[in-house]
Amino acid sequence: MNLNATMLGQAISFVIFVWLCMKYVWPPLTALIDERQREIAEGLSQMDLAAKELELAKANGEQLMVEAKQSASNLVEQGNKRRNQIIDDAKLEGDTEKARIIAQGQSELESERNRLRQELRQEMSDLVSKARKN
């Protein structure tokens, strides 16, 4: 009987131990486990959201790079057009200035030619008058 009483006492002690664990130990442990599972689930959902935002940011970054390259090429093209326009304007202004200088030179040359003719006529008339007096 001694063996049965010991086994019965151990069984009752084990049942009381299990009941105490279920009453006082198990609920806080399950609460901690549930809270940890919830935190992990939130972390995973935040990670998925961050991954989606990263993909969106990459796509936006690539689009901005394409737009920036296009804008830069447009600016370069406008600069080249403006440079060519300035060169053409300078050539036109140079041609106009050249024509003005040539016209002024021809005018000065013609006036110098006329002055020299007048001087020659004057000298010729002076020589003719001197020759008649002699």
Foldseek 3Di string as FASTA:
>chain_A
DVVVVVVVVVVVVVVVVVVCCVVPPVVVVVVVVVVVVVVVVVVVVVVVVVVVVVVVVVVVVVVVVVVVVVVVVVVVVVVVVVVVVVVVVVVVVVVVVVVVVVVVVVVVVVVVVVVVVVVVVVVVVVVVVVVVVD
